[in-house]
């Protein structure tokens, strides 16, 4: 399975408290810019632990973060 949420969507689902804190501090800039690299990595790991094989977090102007699980064998013909 491929899972491609934005960091904002995944943070809303898995880290609601942090999401709300960032939303409260929102200024003219995108509040998601304050999400740290460590938080991005942690969110991707948590999504992988739920069973998806590939996670790509969309980070807006920061690009994207792609992380794969340990085994991609279940991807069939879509495997790299």
N, C-alpha and C. Protein backbone atom coordinates (compact mmCIF):
# COMPACT_ATOMS: atom_id res chain seq x y z
N UNK A 1 0.83 -1.19 0.00
CA UNK A 1 0.00 0.00 0.00
C UNK A 1 0.87 1.25 0.00
N UNK A 2 0.39 2.27 -0.66
CA UNK A 2 1.03 3.57 -0.68
C UNK A 2 0.15 4.54 0.11
N UNK A 3 0.78 5.37 0.93
CA UNK A 3 0.04 6.34 1.73
C UNK A 3 0.70 7.69 1.50
N UNK A 4 -0.04 8.67 0.98
CA UNK A 4 0.54 9.94 0.57
C UNK A 4 -0.19 11.15 1.16
N UNK A 5 -0.24 11.30 2.45
CA UNK A 5 -0.90 12.46 3.05
C UNK A 5 0.04 13.67 3.11
N UNK A 6 -0.54 14.82 3.35
CA UNK A 6 0.30 15.97 3.68
C UNK A 6 0.71 15.82 5.15
N UNK A 7 1.77 16.50 5.53
CA UNK A 7 2.19 16.43 6.93
C UNK A 7 1.09 17.00 7.82
N UNK A 8 0.37 17.98 7.33
CA UNK A 8 -0.74 18.58 8.08
C UNK A 8 -1.84 17.55 8.33
N UNK A 9 -2.20 16.79 7.31
CA UNK A 9 -3.24 15.76 7.46
C UNK A 9 -2.82 14.69 8.46
N UNK A 10 -1.58 14.21 8.32
CA UNK A 10 -1.13 13.14 9.20
C UNK A 10 -0.97 13.62 10.64
N UNK A 11 -0.48 14.83 10.79
CA UNK A 11 -0.35 15.39 12.14
C UNK A 11 -1.73 15.57 12.77
N UNK A 12 -2.72 15.96 11.98
CA UNK A 12 -4.09 16.09 12.48
C UNK A 12 -4.61 14.74 12.99
N UNK A 13 -4.28 13.67 12.26
CA UNK A 13 -4.77 12.33 12.63
C UNK A 13 -4.00 11.72 13.80
N UNK A 14 -2.68 11.86 13.79
CA UNK A 14 -1.85 11.14 14.75
C UNK A 14 -1.28 12.00 15.88
N UNK A 15 -1.28 13.29 15.70
CA UNK A 15 -0.71 14.17 16.73
C UNK A 15 -1.57 15.40 16.92
N UNK A 16 -2.83 15.16 17.22
CA UNK A 16 -3.82 16.25 17.27
C UNK A 16 -3.39 17.39 18.19
N UNK A 17 -2.81 17.06 19.34
CA UNK A 17 -2.40 18.11 20.29
C UNK A 17 -1.36 19.03 19.67
N UNK A 18 -0.36 18.45 19.02
CA UNK A 18 0.69 19.24 18.36
C UNK A 18 0.09 20.05 17.21
N UNK A 19 -0.81 19.44 16.44
CA UNK A 19 -1.46 20.12 15.33
C UNK A 19 -2.20 21.37 15.83
N UNK A 20 -2.97 21.21 16.90
CA UNK A 20 -3.74 22.33 17.45
C UNK A 20 -2.83 23.43 17.98
N UNK A 21 -1.72 23.04 18.57
CA UNK A 21 -0.75 24.02 19.08
C UNK A 21 -0.18 24.83 17.92
N UNK A 22 0.17 24.17 16.82
CA UNK A 22 0.69 24.87 15.65
C UNK A 22 -0.37 25.77 15.04
N UNK A 23 -1.62 25.29 14.99
CA UNK A 23 -2.71 26.08 14.42
C UNK A 23 -2.96 27.35 15.23
N UNK A 24 -2.83 27.26 16.55
CA UNK A 24 -3.01 28.43 17.42
C UNK A 24 -1.93 29.47 17.18
N UNK A 25 -0.74 29.02 16.84
CA UNK A 25 0.39 29.92 16.64
C UNK A 25 0.46 30.41 15.19
N UNK A 26 -0.55 30.07 14.40
CA UNK A 26 -0.53 30.40 12.97
C UNK A 26 -0.36 31.90 12.77
N UNK A 27 0.50 32.22 11.84
CA UNK A 27 0.70 33.61 11.45
C UNK A 27 0.47 33.67 9.94
N UNK A 28 1.00 34.66 9.31
CA UNK A 28 0.86 34.77 7.85
C UNK A 28 1.57 33.61 7.16
N UNK A 29 2.56 33.06 7.82
CA UNK A 29 3.29 31.93 7.26
C UNK A 29 2.55 30.63 7.53
N UNK A 30 2.94 29.60 6.82
CA UNK A 30 2.36 28.27 7.01
C UNK A 30 2.82 27.72 8.36
N UNK A 31 1.89 27.43 9.28
CA UNK A 31 2.30 26.93 10.59
C UNK A 31 2.99 25.57 10.51
N UNK A 32 2.79 24.84 9.43
CA UNK A 32 3.42 23.53 9.29
C UNK A 32 4.92 23.65 9.05
N UNK A 33 5.40 24.86 8.76
CA UNK A 33 6.84 25.07 8.62
C UNK A 33 7.55 24.81 9.94
N UNK A 34 6.82 24.90 11.04
CA UNK A 34 7.41 24.69 12.37
C UNK A 34 7.54 23.22 12.73
N UNK A 35 6.99 22.32 11.91
CA UNK A 35 7.13 20.89 12.18
C UNK A 35 8.59 20.51 11.95
N UNK A 36 9.19 19.87 12.94
CA UNK A 36 10.62 19.54 12.85
C UNK A 36 10.85 18.28 12.01
N UNK A 37 12.07 18.12 11.56
CA UNK A 37 12.45 16.92 10.81
C UNK A 37 12.21 15.68 11.66
N UNK A 38 12.52 15.77 12.94
CA UNK A 38 12.30 14.63 13.83
C UNK A 38 10.83 14.24 13.90
N UNK A 39 9.95 15.25 13.93
CA UNK A 39 8.50 14.97 13.95
C UNK A 39 8.05 14.33 12.64
N UNK A 40 8.60 14.78 11.53
CA UNK A 40 8.26 14.22 10.22
C UNK A 40 8.66 12.75 10.17
N UNK A 41 9.87 12.45 10.61
CA UNK A 41 10.35 11.07 10.63
C UNK A 41 9.47 10.22 11.53
N UNK A 42 9.13 10.73 12.70
CA UNK A 42 8.30 9.99 13.64
C UNK A 42 6.91 9.72 13.06
N UNK A 43 6.31 10.70 12.41
CA UNK A 43 4.99 10.51 11.79
C UNK A 43 5.05 9.44 10.71
N UNK A 44 6.09 9.47 9.89
CA UNK A 44 6.22 8.46 8.83
C UNK A 44 6.40 7.07 9.42
N UNK A 45 7.22 6.95 10.45
CA UNK A 45 7.41 5.65 11.11
C UNK A 45 6.10 5.13 11.69
N UNK A 46 5.33 6.02 12.30
CA UNK A 46 4.06 5.60 12.89
C UNK A 46 3.09 5.12 11.81
N UNK A 47 3.06 5.81 10.68
CA UNK A 47 2.20 5.38 9.57
C UNK A 47 2.64 4.02 9.05
N UNK A 48 3.95 3.79 8.95
CA UNK A 48 4.45 2.49 8.50
C UNK A 48 4.08 1.39 9.49
N UNK A 49 4.10 1.71 10.76
CA UNK A 49 3.78 0.70 11.77
C UNK A 49 2.32 0.25 11.69
N UNK A 50 1.50 1.02 11.00
CA UNK A 50 0.09 0.67 10.83
C UNK A 50 -0.15 -0.23 9.63
N UNK A 51 0.92 -0.56 8.91
CA UNK A 51 0.81 -1.56 7.86
C UNK A 51 1.04 -1.11 6.44
N UNK A 52 1.13 0.18 6.19
CA UNK A 52 1.40 0.60 4.82
C UNK A 52 2.86 0.29 4.47
N UNK A 53 3.15 0.13 3.20
CA UNK A 53 4.51 -0.22 2.77
C UNK A 53 5.34 1.01 2.43
N UNK A 54 4.69 2.05 1.91
CA UNK A 54 5.38 3.26 1.49
C UNK A 54 4.60 4.48 1.98
N UNK A 55 5.31 5.42 2.60
CA UNK A 55 4.70 6.67 3.05
C UNK A 55 5.44 7.82 2.40
N UNK A 56 4.69 8.73 1.79
CA UNK A 56 5.29 9.96 1.29
C UNK A 56 4.51 11.11 1.90
N UNK A 57 5.18 11.87 2.74
CA UNK A 57 4.55 13.03 3.37
C UNK A 57 4.81 14.26 2.50
N UNK A 58 3.75 14.90 2.09
CA UNK A 58 3.86 16.13 1.31
C UNK A 58 4.11 17.27 2.29
N UNK A 59 5.14 18.06 2.01
CA UNK A 59 5.59 19.10 2.94
C UNK A 59 5.45 20.51 2.38
N UNK A 60 4.58 20.69 1.41
CA UNK A 60 4.39 22.01 0.82
C UNK A 60 5.66 22.52 0.17
N UNK A 61 6.06 23.73 0.52
CA UNK A 61 7.25 24.34 -0.09
C UNK A 61 8.54 23.63 0.32
N UNK A 62 8.46 22.77 1.33
CA UNK A 62 9.65 22.04 1.79
C UNK A 62 9.88 20.77 0.97
N UNK A 63 8.96 20.42 0.10
CA UNK A 63 9.13 19.23 -0.72
C UNK A 63 8.32 18.06 -0.20
N UNK A 64 8.97 16.91 -0.09
CA UNK A 64 8.29 15.69 0.37
C UNK A 64 9.29 14.81 1.11
N UNK A 65 8.76 13.93 1.95
CA UNK A 65 9.58 12.97 2.68
C UNK A 65 9.05 11.59 2.35
N UNK A 66 9.90 10.74 1.78
CA UNK A 66 9.52 9.38 1.40
C UNK A 66 10.21 8.39 2.31
N UNK A 67 9.44 7.44 2.82
CA UNK A 67 10.00 6.39 3.67
C UNK A 67 9.31 5.09 3.32
N UNK A 68 10.10 4.02 3.24
CA UNK A 68 9.54 2.70 2.94
C UNK A 68 9.70 1.78 4.14
N UNK A 69 8.85 0.77 4.17
CA UNK A 69 8.95 -0.24 5.21
C UNK A 69 10.14 -1.15 4.94
N UNK A 70 10.40 -2.05 5.87
CA UNK A 70 11.53 -2.97 5.74
C UNK A 70 11.34 -3.94 4.59
N UNK A 71 10.10 -4.31 4.31
CA UNK A 71 9.82 -5.29 3.26
C UNK A 71 8.84 -4.71 2.27
N UNK A 72 9.24 -4.70 1.01
CA UNK A 72 8.36 -4.22 -0.05
C UNK A 72 7.79 -5.38 -0.87
N UNK A 73 7.95 -6.59 -0.37
CA UNK A 73 7.54 -7.77 -1.13
C UNK A 73 6.05 -7.79 -1.43
N UNK A 74 5.23 -7.18 -0.61
CA UNK A 74 3.80 -7.21 -0.83
C UNK A 74 3.31 -6.24 -1.89
N UNK A 75 4.21 -5.49 -2.53
CA UNK A 75 3.80 -4.53 -3.53
C UNK A 75 3.54 -5.16 -4.89
N UNK A 76 3.90 -6.39 -5.07
CA UNK A 76 3.66 -7.06 -6.35
C UNK A 76 4.41 -6.40 -7.49
N UNK A 77 3.72 -6.22 -8.62
CA UNK A 77 4.37 -5.66 -9.80
C UNK A 77 4.77 -4.20 -9.62
N UNK A 78 4.25 -3.53 -8.61
CA UNK A 78 4.59 -2.14 -8.36
C UNK A 78 5.87 -1.97 -7.56
N UNK A 79 6.47 -3.07 -7.14
CA UNK A 79 7.69 -2.99 -6.33
C UNK A 79 8.85 -2.44 -7.16
N UNK A 80 9.74 -1.70 -6.52
CA UNK A 80 10.91 -1.17 -7.23
C UNK A 80 11.87 -2.27 -7.64
